[in-house]
Protein backbone atom coordinates (compact mmCIF):
# COMPACT_ATOMS: atom_id res chain seq x y z
CA MET A 1 -8.42 227.18 127.56
CA LEU A 2 -6.08 229.97 126.61
CA MET A 3 -2.33 230.35 126.17
CA VAL A 4 -0.94 233.54 127.68
CA ARG A 5 2.48 234.67 126.49
CA ALA A 6 3.94 237.67 128.27
CA ILE A 7 7.16 239.26 127.04
CA ILE A 8 8.50 241.36 129.93
CA ARG A 9 11.68 242.99 131.16
CA PRO A 10 13.95 240.38 132.75
CA GLU A 11 14.27 242.34 136.00
CA LYS A 12 10.47 242.07 136.44
CA LYS A 13 10.32 238.29 135.92
CA GLU A 14 10.56 237.18 139.57
CA GLU A 15 8.10 239.79 140.82
CA VAL A 16 5.51 238.90 138.17
CA LEU A 17 5.90 235.15 138.78
CA SER A 18 5.64 235.65 142.55
CA GLU A 19 2.44 237.69 142.26
CA LEU A 20 0.90 235.24 139.80
CA SER A 21 1.68 232.38 142.17
CA ARG A 22 0.22 234.33 145.11
CA ALA A 23 -2.99 234.66 143.05
CA GLY A 24 -3.10 230.90 142.42
CA PHE A 25 -1.43 230.78 139.01
CA HIS A 26 1.49 228.49 139.86
CA ALA A 27 2.31 226.87 136.50
CA ALA A 28 4.49 228.77 134.03
CA THR A 29 7.16 228.15 131.46
CA VAL A 30 9.89 230.81 131.46
CA VAL A 31 12.24 231.42 128.54
CA ASP A 32 14.96 234.04 128.23
CA VAL A 33 14.55 235.71 124.83
CA VAL A 34 15.87 238.71 122.89
CA GLY A 35 14.02 241.00 120.57
CA ARG A 36 12.93 244.51 119.85
CA GLY A 37 9.69 246.40 119.61
CA LYS A 38 8.58 249.68 118.13
CA GLN A 39 11.62 251.44 119.56
CA LYS A 40 13.80 249.42 117.11
CA GLY A 41 16.39 248.80 119.81
CA ILE A 42 18.29 251.40 121.80
CA LYS A 43 21.24 253.61 120.90
CA ILE A 44 23.97 254.15 123.47
CA SER A 45 27.15 256.09 122.62
CA GLY A 46 26.56 255.64 118.91
CA ILE A 47 26.04 251.88 119.17
CA VAL A 48 22.61 250.44 118.34
CA TYR A 49 21.51 247.46 120.41
CA ASP A 50 18.62 245.84 118.55
CA GLU A 51 18.47 242.58 120.48
CA ILE A 52 17.13 243.60 123.88
CA PRO A 53 17.00 240.89 126.59
CA LYS A 54 13.48 239.97 127.72
CA ALA A 55 11.77 237.12 129.56
CA MET A 56 8.83 235.24 128.06
CA LEU A 57 6.31 233.71 130.45
CA MET A 58 3.93 231.12 128.99
CA MET A 59 0.89 229.94 130.92
CA ALA A 60 -2.13 227.82 130.01
CA ILE A 61 -5.21 229.12 131.81
CA ARG A 62 -8.98 228.76 131.90
CA ASP A 63 -10.90 231.30 129.80
CA GLU A 64 -12.50 232.81 132.90
CA ASP A 65 -9.06 233.59 134.43
CA LYS A 66 -7.93 235.78 131.50
CA GLU A 67 -8.89 239.19 132.91
CA GLU A 68 -7.25 238.55 136.29
CA MET A 69 -4.06 237.15 134.76
CA VAL A 70 -3.67 240.06 132.32
CA ARG A 71 -4.37 242.57 135.10
CA LEU A 72 -1.68 241.05 137.33
CA ILE A 73 0.92 240.86 134.56
CA ILE A 74 0.38 244.48 133.54
CA LYS A 75 0.38 245.69 137.15
CA TYR A 76 3.63 243.99 138.13
CA ALA A 77 5.54 244.14 134.82
CA ARG A 78 5.21 247.94 134.45
CA THR A 79 8.26 249.98 135.38
CA SER A 80 6.19 253.04 136.38
CA GLU A 81 2.58 253.99 137.06
CA GLN A 82 1.98 254.82 133.38
CA GLY A 83 4.38 252.22 131.99
CA ALA A 84 7.22 252.83 129.55
CA TYR A 85 8.40 251.69 126.14
CA GLY A 86 9.96 248.28 126.43
CA ASP A 87 7.82 247.10 129.37
CA GLY A 88 6.51 244.32 127.14
CA LYS A 89 3.42 242.75 125.60
CA VAL A 90 0.82 240.15 126.56
CA PHE A 91 -0.45 237.81 123.85
CA ILE A 92 -3.57 235.65 124.30
CA SER A 93 -4.43 232.76 121.99
CA PRO A 94 -6.82 229.80 122.16
CA ILE A 95 -5.55 226.32 122.93
CA GLU A 96 -7.12 223.73 120.66
CA GLU A 97 -5.69 220.58 122.21
CA VAL A 98 -3.42 219.52 125.07
CA TYR A 99 -1.85 216.10 125.60
CA THR A 100 -0.04 214.76 128.63
CA ILE A 101 3.18 213.24 127.27
CA SER A 102 3.54 210.52 129.90
CA SER A 103 0.09 209.06 129.27
CA GLY A 104 -0.62 210.30 125.74
CA ILE A 105 -4.11 211.23 126.96
CA PRO A 106 -5.75 214.53 125.96
CA SER A 107 -6.03 216.83 128.97
CA LEU A 108 -7.85 220.11 129.28
């Protein structure tokens, strides 16, 4: 299994979640976060905003679903055909173990 973490623009959150659900990926944890990327924040009228609001989507998926999930996230999180700075990132990492809290039983 894999953990997918997608950091996306908050205005794209509902569209991405809707399209993932339409494709059969219903489970997700959503967290509102702030941060900055390579652009080091944005400067407006002489004020630098270095904590940009984003949404983080976290999903546990089967290894074989990785390509489809990443494709959907990129397609629906982009703000234009080519994308733009600040559209976000997708991080993939292996899941070593999962436990169901109510039963205490490992589940994968």
